[in-house]
Amino acid sequence: MKNCVTVKLNGGSEYEESYYLTEGEALALDCKGNGAFQNKVWNIIASHINWREQMCINGGGFQLVSYTVNGVTKPLH
């Protein structure tokens, strides 16, 4: 995927899932800022993904792995 966020299911399975990011979400996630600002941005993006995919990725059942913007993958933390 050109723009996505990848998360890993907590537990022993190590299952990873990637979720599509809209252009706006990708731009917001790729912007620079301090840790508190990035956390707020991530919470907004996670809410959008939760609404769109009906998948609560911010509820503690997943670990954040990476994000990809314009084909470039970076770690989330």
Protein backbone atom coordinates (compact mmCIF):
# COMPACT_ATOMS: atom_id res chain seq x y z
CA MET A 1 0.00 0.00 0.00
CA LYS A 2 1.20 3.50 -0.79
CA ASN A 3 -0.13 5.03 2.46
CA CYS A 4 -0.91 2.76 5.39
CA VAL A 5 -0.34 2.08 9.07
CA THR A 6 0.69 -1.41 10.22
CA VAL A 7 -0.26 -2.82 13.61
CA LYS A 8 0.52 -6.15 15.28
CA LEU A 9 -1.97 -8.13 17.37
CA ASN A 10 -0.89 -8.47 21.00
CA GLY A 11 -0.30 -12.02 22.12
CA GLY A 12 1.56 -14.97 20.71
CA SER A 13 0.35 -14.92 17.10
CA GLU A 14 2.41 -11.90 15.95
CA TYR A 15 -0.34 -11.28 13.34
CA GLU A 16 0.14 -7.99 11.49
CA GLU A 17 -2.52 -5.97 9.70
CA SER A 18 -2.17 -2.87 7.53
CA TYR A 19 -4.84 -0.18 7.26
CA TYR A 20 -5.18 2.31 4.44
CA LEU A 21 -4.50 5.98 5.23
CA THR A 22 -6.20 8.80 3.39
CA GLU A 23 -3.96 11.54 1.95
CA GLY A 24 -4.86 13.84 4.86
CA GLU A 25 -4.14 11.18 7.46
CA ALA A 26 -0.82 10.35 5.80
CA LEU A 27 0.21 14.02 5.72
CA ALA A 28 -0.76 14.51 9.37
CA LEU A 29 1.09 11.39 10.49
CA ASP A 30 4.22 12.34 8.56
CA CYS A 31 4.40 15.89 9.98
CA LYS A 32 7.08 16.75 12.48
CA GLY A 33 6.30 17.67 16.07
CA ASN A 34 7.03 16.78 19.67
CA GLY A 35 5.83 13.59 21.32
CA ALA A 36 2.64 15.08 22.80
CA PHE A 37 1.64 16.57 19.43
CA GLN A 38 2.33 13.28 17.62
CA ASN A 39 0.24 11.39 20.19
CA LYS A 40 -2.71 13.73 19.58
CA VAL A 41 -2.32 13.33 15.82
CA TRP A 42 -2.19 9.54 16.16
CA ASN A 43 -5.33 9.50 18.36
CA ILE A 44 -7.25 11.44 15.70
CA ILE A 45 -6.01 9.17 12.91
CA ALA A 46 -6.80 6.04 14.95
CA SER A 47 -10.35 7.35 15.49
CA HIS A 48 -10.75 7.82 11.73
CA ILE A 49 -9.48 4.28 11.05
CA ASN A 50 -11.72 2.88 13.81
CA TRP A 51 -14.75 4.56 12.23
CA ARG A 52 -13.85 3.62 8.65
CA GLU A 53 -12.72 0.02 9.23
CA GLN A 54 -14.88 -0.77 12.29
CA MET A 55 -11.65 -1.98 13.93
CA CYS A 56 -10.54 -0.53 17.26
CA ILE A 57 -6.78 -0.41 16.82
CA ASN A 58 -6.31 2.05 19.68
CA GLY A 59 -8.01 -0.12 22.30
CA GLY A 60 -4.96 -1.91 23.66
CA GLY A 61 -5.21 -5.10 21.60
CA PHE A 62 -2.63 -3.99 19.05
CA GLN A 63 0.95 -2.71 19.00
CA LEU A 64 1.84 0.06 16.60
CA VAL A 65 4.49 -1.16 14.17
CA SER A 66 5.06 1.26 11.30
CA TYR A 67 3.51 3.64 8.82
CA THR A 68 4.08 4.06 5.11
CA VAL A 69 3.67 7.40 3.35
CA ASN A 70 4.32 7.64 -0.40
CA GLY A 71 5.96 4.22 -0.34
CA VAL A 72 8.44 5.06 2.46
CA THR A 73 8.02 2.97 5.63
CA LYS A 74 9.01 4.37 9.03
CA PRO A 75 8.59 3.04 12.58
CA LEU A 76 5.72 4.54 14.56
CA HIS A 77 7.77 4.87 17.73
